[in-house]
Amino acid sequence: MPPGRLEDFSINTIIGPNTSMAGDIESGGFTRIDGSIRGNVSARGRVVIGEKARMKGNVSGTAITVGGVVYGSLVASESLVVLSTALVLGDIITRRIQADEGCLIHGKVAVCTDEESWKRVLSEHRDAQGIRSALPVFSKPRETS
């Protein structure tokens, strides 16, 4: 096993069933979600989104497995698995993907096999995310006094 990969097997963060939270999560390693999250998840390791999990936010990690519902983008620097029970409403960017029969993906899927295309697609995605996050500022109705 290469150095630095051992942390992928120890769970750093668990959001259990019947747990709901709002806010972003930054994890140093393996993250498992079985509850409900309204916020982004950024892990420096694997991310598993269980079958009963419900998420509204973006997810990034080295390898992501989705079994539940994700309303947001998924960025996996190594691989992504979408199980038959999954519903993904958002874009996917990864180097390898496995989508089981029966899953539902509604969004753009980019599978980058070389470093140059990975960097380009990731940069375009981040630019688009920045524009989307600024849009609500411009579309808020003005208060009149």
C-alpha atoms as a PDB file:
ATOM      1  CA  MET A   1       0.000   0.000   0.000  1.00  0.00           C
ATOM      2  CA  PRO A   2       1.451   3.409  -0.983  1.00  0.00           C
ATOM      3  CA  PRO A   3       2.289   5.824   1.841  1.00  0.00           C
ATOM      4  CA  GLY A   4      -0.492   8.279   2.642  1.00  0.00           C
ATOM      5  CA  ARG A   5      -3.280   5.893   1.621  1.00  0.00           C
ATOM      6  CA  LEU A   6      -3.809   4.326   5.044  1.00  0.00           C
ATOM      7  CA  GLU A   7      -6.025   7.207   6.192  1.00  0.00           C
ATOM      8  CA  ASP A   8      -8.589   6.203   3.560  1.00  0.00           C
ATOM      9  CA  PHE A   9      -9.502   3.171   5.668  1.00  0.00           C
ATOM     10  CA  SER A  10     -10.079   4.920   8.985  1.00  0.00           C
ATOM     11  CA  ILE A  11     -13.357   6.807   9.179  1.00  0.00           C
ATOM     12  CA  ASN A  12     -12.805  10.447  10.163  1.00  0.00           C
ATOM     13  CA  THR A  13     -16.394  11.674   9.918  1.00  0.00           C
ATOM     14  CA  ILE A  14     -19.788   9.976  10.212  1.00  0.00           C
ATOM     15  CA  ILE A  15     -23.172  11.638   9.797  1.00  0.00           C
ATOM     16  CA  GLY A  16     -25.448   8.888  11.033  1.00  0.00           C
ATOM     17  CA  PRO A  17     -29.003   7.954  10.106  1.00  0.00           C
ATOM     18  CA  ASN A  18     -31.706  10.254  11.521  1.00  0.00           C
ATOM     19  CA  THR A  19     -29.134  13.066  11.754  1.00  0.00           C
ATOM     20  CA  SER A  20     -29.721  16.355   9.960  1.00  0.00           C
ATOM     21  CA  MET A  21     -27.282  19.202   9.697  1.00  0.00           C
ATOM     22  CA  ALA A  22     -26.777  22.442   7.836  1.00  0.00           C
ATOM     23  CA  GLY A  23     -23.282  23.697   7.075  1.00  0.00           C
ATOM     24  CA  ASP A  24     -20.134  22.729   5.231  1.00  0.00           C
ATOM     25  CA  ILE A  25     -17.930  19.801   6.249  1.00  0.00           C
ATOM     26  CA  GLU A  26     -14.175  19.599   5.653  1.00  0.00           C
ATOM     27  CA  SER A  27     -12.749  16.198   6.484  1.00  0.00           C
ATOM     28  CA  GLY A  28      -9.163  15.006   6.600  1.00  0.00           C
ATOM     29  CA  GLY A  29     -10.013  11.488   5.479  1.00  0.00           C
ATOM     30  CA  PHE A  30     -12.781   8.940   4.993  1.00  0.00           C
ATOM     31  CA  THR A  31     -16.285  10.407   5.392  1.00  0.00           C
ATOM     32  CA  ARG A  32     -19.558   8.469   5.595  1.00  0.00           C
ATOM     33  CA  ILE A  33     -22.957  10.132   5.325  1.00  0.00           C
ATOM     34  CA  ASP A  34     -26.175   8.297   6.168  1.00  0.00           C
ATOM     35  CA  GLY A  35     -28.239  11.289   7.313  1.00  0.00           C
ATOM     36  CA  SER A  36     -29.311  14.593   5.755  1.00  0.00           C
ATOM     37  CA  ILE A  37     -26.934  17.449   4.969  1.00  0.00           C
ATOM     38  CA  ARG A  38     -27.574  20.884   3.563  1.00  0.00           C
ATOM     39  CA  GLY A  39     -24.047  22.059   2.760  1.00  0.00           C
ATOM     40  CA  ASN A  40     -20.864  21.100   0.957  1.00  0.00           C
ATOM     41  CA  VAL A  41     -18.640  18.140   1.847  1.00  0.00           C
ATOM     42  CA  SER A  42     -14.933  18.344   1.064  1.00  0.00           C
ATOM     43  CA  ALA A  43     -12.813  15.325   2.050  1.00  0.00           C
ATOM     44  CA  ARG A  44      -9.156  14.546   1.492  1.00  0.00           C
ATOM     45  CA  GLY A  45     -10.138  10.880   1.335  1.00  0.00           C
ATOM     46  CA  ARG A  46     -13.029   8.633   0.354  1.00  0.00           C
ATOM     47  CA  VAL A  47     -16.669   9.707   0.693  1.00  0.00           C
ATOM     48  CA  VAL A  48     -19.561   7.253   1.015  1.00  0.00           C
ATOM     49  CA  ILE A  49     -23.092   8.586   0.724  1.00  0.00           C
ATOM     50  CA  GLY A  50     -25.378   5.843   2.021  1.00  0.00           C
ATOM     51  CA  GLU A  51     -28.665   4.706   0.478  1.00  0.00           C
ATOM     52  CA  LYS A  52     -30.800   6.698   2.933  1.00  0.00           C
ATOM     53  CA  ALA A  53     -28.653   9.843   2.780  1.00  0.00           C
ATOM     54  CA  ARG A  54     -30.080  13.072   1.419  1.00  0.00           C
ATOM     55  CA  MET A  55     -27.742  15.915   0.440  1.00  0.00           C
ATOM     56  CA  LYS A  56     -28.107  19.379  -0.997  1.00  0.00           C
ATOM     57  CA  GLY A  57     -24.576  20.564  -1.673  1.00  0.00           C
ATOM     58  CA  ASN A  58     -21.407  19.761  -3.548  1.00  0.00           C
ATOM     59  CA  VAL A  59     -19.192  16.796  -2.679  1.00  0.00           C
ATOM     60  CA  SER A  60     -15.481  16.379  -3.341  1.00  0.00           C
ATOM     61  CA  GLY A  61     -13.096  13.593  -2.387  1.00  0.00           C
ATOM     62  CA  THR A  62     -10.614  11.117  -3.797  1.00  0.00           C
ATOM     63  CA  ALA A  63     -13.184   8.364  -4.380  1.00  0.00           C
ATOM     64  CA  ILE A  64     -16.934   8.849  -3.966  1.00  0.00           C
ATOM     65  CA  THR A  65     -19.647   6.203  -3.695  1.00  0.00           C
ATOM     66  CA  VAL A  66     -23.241   7.427  -3.923  1.00  0.00           C
ATOM     67  CA  GLY A  67     -26.194   5.317  -2.817  1.00  0.00           C
ATOM     68  CA  GLY A  68     -28.640   8.070  -1.809  1.00  0.00           C
ATOM     69  CA  VAL A  69     -29.800  11.431  -3.161  1.00  0.00           C
ATOM     70  CA  VAL A  70     -27.357  14.233  -3.986  1.00  0.00           C
ATOM     71  CA  TYR A  71     -28.522  17.586  -5.303  1.00  0.00           C
ATOM     72  CA  GLY A  72     -25.182  19.139  -6.233  1.00  0.00           C
ATOM     73  CA  SER A  73     -21.926  18.505  -8.042  1.00  0.00           C
ATOM     74  CA  LEU A  74     -19.623  15.541  -7.382  1.00  0.00           C
ATOM     75  CA  VAL A  75     -15.854  15.875  -7.929  1.00  0.00           C
ATOM     76  CA  ALA A  76     -13.803  12.709  -7.381  1.00  0.00           C
ATOM     77  CA  SER A  77     -10.098  12.946  -8.147  1.00  0.00           C
ATOM     78  CA  GLU A  78      -9.763   9.147  -8.572  1.00  0.00           C
ATOM     79  CA  SER A  79     -13.100   7.392  -9.075  1.00  0.00           C
ATOM     80  CA  LEU A  80     -16.834   7.634  -8.586  1.00  0.00           C
ATOM     81  CA  VAL A  81     -19.417   4.869  -8.160  1.00  0.00           C
ATOM     82  CA  VAL A  82     -23.131   5.571  -8.538  1.00  0.00           C
ATOM     83  CA  LEU A  83     -25.120   2.687  -7.054  1.00  0.00           C
ATOM     84  CA  SER A  84     -28.473   1.504  -8.406  1.00  0.00           C
ATOM     85  CA  THR A  85     -30.275   3.245  -5.498  1.00  0.00           C
ATOM     86  CA  ALA A  86     -28.708   6.657  -6.224  1.00  0.00           C
ATOM     87  CA  LEU A  87     -30.192   9.841  -7.603  1.00  0.00           C
ATOM     88  CA  VAL A  88     -27.659  12.508  -8.628  1.00  0.00           C
ATOM     89  CA  LEU A  89     -29.009  15.899  -9.664  1.00  0.00           C
ATOM     90  CA  GLY A  90     -25.833  17.731 -10.627  1.00  0.00           C
ATOM     91  CA  ASP A  91     -22.599  17.538 -12.543  1.00  0.00           C
ATOM     92  CA  ILE A  92     -19.991  14.818 -12.122  1.00  0.00           C
ATOM     93  CA  ILE A  93     -16.256  15.252 -12.680  1.00  0.00           C
ATOM     94  CA  THR A  94     -13.966  12.269 -12.177  1.00  0.00           C
ATOM     95  CA  ARG A  95     -11.209  10.165 -13.710  1.00  0.00           C
ATOM     96  CA  ARG A  96     -13.192   6.886 -13.616  1.00  0.00           C
ATOM     97  CA  ILE A  97     -16.903   6.226 -13.210  1.00  0.00           C
ATOM     98  CA  GLN A  98     -19.112   3.229 -12.584  1.00  0.00           C
ATOM     99  CA  ALA A  99     -22.858   3.777 -12.851  1.00  0.00           C
ATOM    100  CA  ASP A 100     -24.976   0.790 -11.839  1.00  0.00           C
ATOM    101  CA  GLU A 101     -28.131  -0.089 -13.734  1.00  0.00           C
ATOM    102  CA  GLY A 102     -31.116   1.672 -12.202  1.00  0.00           C
ATOM    103  CA  CYS A 103     -29.320   4.794 -10.973  1.00  0.00           C
ATOM    104  CA  LEU A 104     -30.448   8.217 -12.145  1.00  0.00           C
ATOM    105  CA  ILE A 105     -28.010  10.982 -13.098  1.00  0.00           C
ATOM    106  CA  HIS A 106     -29.285  14.344 -14.282  1.00  0.00           C
ATOM    107  CA  GLY A 107     -26.356  16.623 -15.137  1.00  0.00           C
ATOM    108  CA  LYS A 108     -23.145  16.773 -17.105  1.00  0.00           C
ATOM    109  CA  VAL A 109     -20.647  13.944 -16.672  1.00  0.00           C
ATOM    110  CA  ALA A 110     -16.966  14.572 -17.411  1.00  0.00           C
ATOM    111  CA  VAL A 111     -14.544  11.649 -17.230  1.00  0.00           C
ATOM    112  CA  CYS A 112     -11.000  12.946 -17.602  1.00  0.00           C
ATOM    113  CA  THR A 113      -8.376  10.368 -18.467  1.00  0.00           C
ATOM    114  CA  ASP A 114      -5.363  12.707 -18.615  1.00  0.00           C
ATOM    115  CA  GLU A 115      -4.035  15.431 -16.326  1.00  0.00           C
ATOM    116  CA  GLU A 116      -4.503  18.251 -18.843  1.00  0.00           C
ATOM    117  CA  SER A 117      -8.214  17.582 -19.387  1.00  0.00           C
ATOM    118  CA  TRP A 118      -8.700  17.083 -15.605  1.00  0.00           C
ATOM    119  CA  LYS A 119      -7.257  20.534 -14.847  1.00  0.00           C
ATOM    120  CA  ARG A 120      -9.208  22.215 -17.651  1.00  0.00           C
ATOM    121  CA  VAL A 121     -12.573  20.674 -16.719  1.00  0.00           C
ATOM    122  CA  LEU A 122     -12.024  21.351 -13.013  1.00  0.00           C
ATOM    123  CA  SER A 123     -11.138  24.978 -13.734  1.00  0.00           C
ATOM    124  CA  GLU A 124     -14.234  25.440 -15.920  1.00  0.00           C
ATOM    125  CA  HIS A 125     -16.391  23.858 -13.202  1.00  0.00           C
ATOM    126  CA  ARG A 126     -14.990  26.148 -10.485  1.00  0.00           C
ATOM    127  CA  ASP A 127     -15.528  29.199 -12.697  1.00  0.00           C
ATOM    128  CA  ALA A 128     -19.146  28.169 -13.293  1.00  0.00           C
ATOM    129  CA  GLN A 129     -19.660  27.562  -9.542  1.00  0.00           C
ATOM    130  CA  GLY A 130     -18.332  31.052  -8.802  1.00  0.00           C
ATOM    131  CA  ILE A 131     -20.728  32.612 -11.280  1.00  0.00           C
ATOM    132  CA  ARG A 132     -23.681  30.613  -9.876  1.00  0.00           C
ATOM    133  CA  SER A 133     -22.876  31.657  -6.317  1.00  0.00           C
ATOM    134  CA  ALA A 134     -22.818  35.335  -7.349  1.00  0.00           C
ATOM    135  CA  LEU A 135     -26.152  35.211  -9.198  1.00  0.00           C
ATOM    136  CA  PRO A 136     -28.431  35.381  -6.123  1.00  0.00           C
ATOM    137  CA  VAL A 137     -26.736  38.643  -5.127  1.00  0.00           C
ATOM    138  CA  PHE A 138     -27.863  40.239  -8.372  1.00  0.00           C
ATOM    139  CA  SER A 139     -31.341  38.720  -8.425  1.00  0.00           C
ATOM    140  CA  LYS A 140     -32.457  39.759  -4.902  1.00  0.00           C
ATOM    141  CA  PRO A 141     -35.345  42.186  -4.979  1.00  0.00           C
ATOM    142  CA  ARG A 142     -34.487  45.650  -3.761  1.00  0.00           C
ATOM    143  CA  GLU A 143     -36.027  46.808  -0.541  1.00  0.00           C
ATOM    144  CA  THR A 144     -37.940  50.028  -0.800  1.00  0.00           C
ATOM    145  CA  SER A 145     -38.503  52.306   2.130  1.00  0.00           C
END
